[in-house]
Amino acid sequence: MGIKSLLAHKNLLVLVLAYTTLIGWLSLAKVHIPIDSSIQGSDKVGHLLAYFVFTIVWFLFFFFSEKQNRSFAQSLMWAGILAFLFGILMEFFQAILTSYRSSEWYDVLANTSGIIFAAIVLKMLQNKLVRFKRA
């Protein structure tokens, strides 16, 4: 199975739905993740990485979806907006739906940093991704 077949719409749809569900569950469930709590803000690195990957998988879905045929810029914009709004929604839900999770603006900042980092990496890979899509 080649990379092109892995990037088929149905495979990407399964990937984005699975990853979005995972991030939603990790954001709202009572989960104990062993993080060295002696390092202040270590959970923020987790937020940054989670939303870095979130942005990339949604970008891949938007960019390589044959049904929509979006440009690189459109795909990146939609992935970034979706990731940002999803992060805000998860913080809002933590505040109103859980008593064991706390909503923090620093989490939103870490999420946004992950989104920006993903956008920078994707922009650096733009020419390769566009050529790959055309091939």
C-alpha atoms as a PDB file:
ATOM      1  CA  MET A   1       0.000   0.000   0.000  1.00  0.00           C
ATOM      2  CA  GLY A   2       1.535   3.310  -1.093  1.00  0.00           C
ATOM      3  CA  ILE A   3       1.440   6.683   0.570  1.00  0.00           C
ATOM      4  CA  LYS A   4      -1.069   7.961  -2.003  1.00  0.00           C
ATOM      5  CA  SER A   5      -3.528   5.227  -1.075  1.00  0.00           C
ATOM      6  CA  LEU A   6      -3.042   5.998   2.634  1.00  0.00           C
ATOM      7  CA  LEU A   7      -3.960   9.609   1.884  1.00  0.00           C
ATOM      8  CA  ALA A   8      -7.300   8.568   0.381  1.00  0.00           C
ATOM      9  CA  HIS A   9     -10.298  10.533   1.645  1.00  0.00           C
ATOM     10  CA  LYS A  10     -11.750   7.637   3.683  1.00  0.00           C
ATOM     11  CA  ASN A  11      -8.432   6.887   5.413  1.00  0.00           C
ATOM     12  CA  LEU A  12      -7.887  10.538   6.254  1.00  0.00           C
ATOM     13  CA  LEU A  13     -11.456  10.826   7.528  1.00  0.00           C
ATOM     14  CA  VAL A  14     -10.877   7.906   9.903  1.00  0.00           C
ATOM     15  CA  LEU A  15      -7.579   9.485  11.035  1.00  0.00           C
ATOM     16  CA  VAL A  16      -9.031  12.934  11.762  1.00  0.00           C
ATOM     17  CA  LEU A  17     -12.099  11.566  13.513  1.00  0.00           C
ATOM     18  CA  ALA A  18     -10.017   9.181  15.639  1.00  0.00           C
ATOM     19  CA  TYR A  19      -7.494  11.861  16.591  1.00  0.00           C
ATOM     20  CA  THR A  20     -10.187  14.465  17.306  1.00  0.00           C
ATOM     21  CA  THR A  21     -12.026  11.956  19.489  1.00  0.00           C
ATOM     22  CA  LEU A  22      -8.794  11.130  21.319  1.00  0.00           C
ATOM     23  CA  ILE A  23      -8.035  14.802  22.024  1.00  0.00           C
ATOM     24  CA  GLY A  24     -11.631  15.373  23.137  1.00  0.00           C
ATOM     25  CA  TRP A  25     -11.474  12.381  25.464  1.00  0.00           C
ATOM     26  CA  LEU A  26      -8.079  13.392  26.888  1.00  0.00           C
ATOM     27  CA  SER A  27      -9.423  16.910  27.436  1.00  0.00           C
ATOM     28  CA  LEU A  28     -12.568  15.876  29.294  1.00  0.00           C
ATOM     29  CA  ALA A  29     -11.993  12.472  30.869  1.00  0.00           C
ATOM     30  CA  LYS A  30     -10.526  11.905  34.283  1.00  0.00           C
ATOM     31  CA  VAL A  31      -7.198  10.617  33.020  1.00  0.00           C
ATOM     32  CA  HIS A  32      -4.004  10.288  34.996  1.00  0.00           C
ATOM     33  CA  ILE A  33      -1.052  10.949  32.691  1.00  0.00           C
ATOM     34  CA  PRO A  34       2.238  10.593  34.522  1.00  0.00           C
ATOM     35  CA  ILE A  35       3.916  13.944  33.918  1.00  0.00           C
ATOM     36  CA  ASP A  36       6.765  15.163  36.071  1.00  0.00           C
ATOM     37  CA  SER A  37       4.869  17.770  38.056  1.00  0.00           C
ATOM     38  CA  SER A  38       8.101  19.220  39.439  1.00  0.00           C
ATOM     39  CA  ILE A  39       8.594  20.937  36.078  1.00  0.00           C
ATOM     40  CA  GLN A  40       6.203  23.870  36.035  1.00  0.00           C
ATOM     41  CA  GLY A  41       4.137  24.023  32.848  1.00  0.00           C
ATOM     42  CA  SER A  42       5.153  20.564  31.619  1.00  0.00           C
ATOM     43  CA  ASP A  43       1.541  19.872  30.649  1.00  0.00           C
ATOM     44  CA  LYS A  44       1.700  22.854  28.288  1.00  0.00           C
ATOM     45  CA  VAL A  45       4.219  20.964  26.146  1.00  0.00           C
ATOM     46  CA  GLY A  46       1.576  18.236  25.842  1.00  0.00           C
ATOM     47  CA  HIS A  47      -0.966  20.816  24.703  1.00  0.00           C
ATOM     48  CA  LEU A  48       1.484  22.230  22.152  1.00  0.00           C
ATOM     49  CA  LEU A  49       2.281  18.787  20.720  1.00  0.00           C
ATOM     50  CA  ALA A  50      -1.349  17.651  20.697  1.00  0.00           C
ATOM     51  CA  TYR A  51      -2.508  20.692  18.725  1.00  0.00           C
ATOM     52  CA  PHE A  52       0.559  20.565  16.470  1.00  0.00           C
ATOM     53  CA  VAL A  53      -0.520  17.056  15.399  1.00  0.00           C
ATOM     54  CA  PHE A  54      -4.208  18.056  15.369  1.00  0.00           C
ATOM     55  CA  THR A  55      -3.481  20.856  12.889  1.00  0.00           C
ATOM     56  CA  ILE A  56      -1.350  18.630  10.668  1.00  0.00           C
ATOM     57  CA  VAL A  57      -3.844  15.761  10.446  1.00  0.00           C
ATOM     58  CA  TRP A  58      -6.703  18.139   9.659  1.00  0.00           C
ATOM     59  CA  PHE A  59      -4.523  19.940   7.100  1.00  0.00           C
ATOM     60  CA  LEU A  60      -3.803  16.592   5.404  1.00  0.00           C
ATOM     61  CA  PHE A  61      -7.511  15.826   5.347  1.00  0.00           C
ATOM     62  CA  PHE A  62      -8.438  19.174   3.814  1.00  0.00           C
ATOM     63  CA  PHE A  63      -5.511  19.295   1.374  1.00  0.00           C
ATOM     64  CA  PHE A  64      -5.575  15.725   0.076  1.00  0.00           C
ATOM     65  CA  SER A  65      -9.343  15.269   0.045  1.00  0.00           C
ATOM     66  CA  GLU A  66     -10.238  14.709  -3.586  1.00  0.00           C
ATOM     67  CA  LYS A  67     -13.843  15.637  -2.913  1.00  0.00           C
ATOM     68  CA  GLN A  68     -13.086  19.252  -1.966  1.00  0.00           C
ATOM     69  CA  ASN A  69      -9.881  20.044  -3.910  1.00  0.00           C
ATOM     70  CA  ARG A  70      -8.795  22.878  -1.607  1.00  0.00           C
ATOM     71  CA  SER A  71      -5.619  24.865  -2.142  1.00  0.00           C
ATOM     72  CA  PHE A  72      -2.681  24.705   0.250  1.00  0.00           C
ATOM     73  CA  ALA A  73      -3.608  28.076   1.779  1.00  0.00           C
ATOM     74  CA  GLN A  74      -7.280  27.158   2.175  1.00  0.00           C
ATOM     75  CA  SER A  75      -6.410  23.822   3.769  1.00  0.00           C
ATOM     76  CA  LEU A  76      -3.990  25.438   6.191  1.00  0.00           C
ATOM     77  CA  MET A  77      -6.480  28.157   7.095  1.00  0.00           C
ATOM     78  CA  TRP A  78      -9.319  25.688   7.752  1.00  0.00           C
ATOM     79  CA  ALA A  79      -7.079  23.362   9.763  1.00  0.00           C
ATOM     80  CA  GLY A  80      -5.826  26.252  11.895  1.00  0.00           C
ATOM     81  CA  ILE A  81      -9.288  27.683  12.507  1.00  0.00           C
ATOM     82  CA  LEU A  82     -10.718  24.268  13.345  1.00  0.00           C
ATOM     83  CA  ALA A  83      -7.864  23.471  15.747  1.00  0.00           C
ATOM     84  CA  PHE A  84      -8.180  26.837  17.486  1.00  0.00           C
ATOM     85  CA  LEU A  85     -11.964  26.607  17.877  1.00  0.00           C
ATOM     86  CA  PHE A  86     -11.757  22.999  19.049  1.00  0.00           C
ATOM     87  CA  GLY A  87      -9.184  23.982  21.682  1.00  0.00           C
ATOM     88  CA  ILE A  88     -11.405  26.813  22.926  1.00  0.00           C
ATOM     89  CA  LEU A  89     -14.399  24.469  22.994  1.00  0.00           C
ATOM     90  CA  MET A  90     -12.481  21.881  25.041  1.00  0.00           C
ATOM     91  CA  GLU A  91     -11.436  24.535  27.576  1.00  0.00           C
ATOM     92  CA  PHE A  92     -15.051  25.752  27.780  1.00  0.00           C
ATOM     93  CA  PHE A  93     -16.312  22.187  28.292  1.00  0.00           C
ATOM     94  CA  GLN A  94     -13.686  21.595  30.986  1.00  0.00           C
ATOM     95  CA  ALA A  95     -15.028  24.605  32.856  1.00  0.00           C
ATOM     96  CA  ILE A  96     -18.717  23.715  32.650  1.00  0.00           C
ATOM     97  CA  LEU A  97     -18.829  19.899  32.346  1.00  0.00           C
ATOM     98  CA  THR A  98     -16.134  18.720  34.728  1.00  0.00           C
ATOM     99  CA  SER A  99     -15.250  19.278  38.349  1.00  0.00           C
ATOM    100  CA  TYR A 100     -11.884  17.535  38.069  1.00  0.00           C
ATOM    101  CA  ARG A 101     -10.433  19.564  35.169  1.00  0.00           C
ATOM    102  CA  SER A 102      -9.654  23.253  35.065  1.00  0.00           C
ATOM    103  CA  SER A 103      -9.899  25.665  32.187  1.00  0.00           C
ATOM    104  CA  GLU A 104      -6.774  27.774  31.701  1.00  0.00           C
ATOM    105  CA  TRP A 105      -5.870  30.530  29.274  1.00  0.00           C
ATOM    106  CA  TYR A 106      -2.304  29.211  29.286  1.00  0.00           C
ATOM    107  CA  ASP A 107      -3.664  25.981  27.780  1.00  0.00           C
ATOM    108  CA  VAL A 108      -5.227  28.030  24.977  1.00  0.00           C
ATOM    109  CA  LEU A 109      -1.892  29.770  24.475  1.00  0.00           C
ATOM    110  CA  ALA A 110      -0.068  26.425  24.352  1.00  0.00           C
ATOM    111  CA  ASN A 111      -2.650  25.044  21.886  1.00  0.00           C
ATOM    112  CA  THR A 112      -2.269  28.135  19.709  1.00  0.00           C
ATOM    113  CA  SER A 113       1.511  27.805  19.821  1.00  0.00           C
ATOM    114  CA  GLY A 114       1.162  24.232  18.525  1.00  0.00           C
ATOM    115  CA  ILE A 115      -1.102  25.445  15.719  1.00  0.00           C
ATOM    116  CA  ILE A 116       1.359  28.177  14.732  1.00  0.00           C
ATOM    117  CA  PHE A 117       4.296  25.752  14.872  1.00  0.00           C
ATOM    118  CA  ALA A 118       2.391  23.306  12.629  1.00  0.00           C
ATOM    119  CA  ALA A 119       1.605  26.113  10.174  1.00  0.00           C
ATOM    120  CA  ILE A 120       5.291  27.065  10.011  1.00  0.00           C
ATOM    121  CA  VAL A 121       6.374  23.463   9.412  1.00  0.00           C
ATOM    122  CA  LEU A 122       3.686  22.933   6.768  1.00  0.00           C
ATOM    123  CA  LYS A 123       4.606  26.203   5.057  1.00  0.00           C
ATOM    124  CA  MET A 124       8.236  25.043   4.921  1.00  0.00           C
ATOM    125  CA  LEU A 125       7.029  21.825   3.257  1.00  0.00           C
ATOM    126  CA  GLN A 126       4.532  23.545   0.942  1.00  0.00           C
ATOM    127  CA  ASN A 127       6.384  22.990  -2.346  1.00  0.00           C
ATOM    128  CA  LYS A 128       6.951  19.302  -1.597  1.00  0.00           C
ATOM    129  CA  LEU A 129       3.333  18.771  -0.547  1.00  0.00           C
ATOM    130  CA  VAL A 130       1.965  20.545  -3.624  1.00  0.00           C
ATOM    131  CA  ARG A 131       4.241  18.518  -5.937  1.00  0.00           C
ATOM    132  CA  PHE A 132       3.248  15.301  -4.172  1.00  0.00           C
ATOM    133  CA  LYS A 133      -0.440  16.128  -4.556  1.00  0.00           C
ATOM    134  CA  ARG A 134      -0.025  16.741  -8.313  1.00  0.00           C
ATOM    135  CA  ALA A 135       1.962  13.550  -8.921  1.00  0.00           C
END
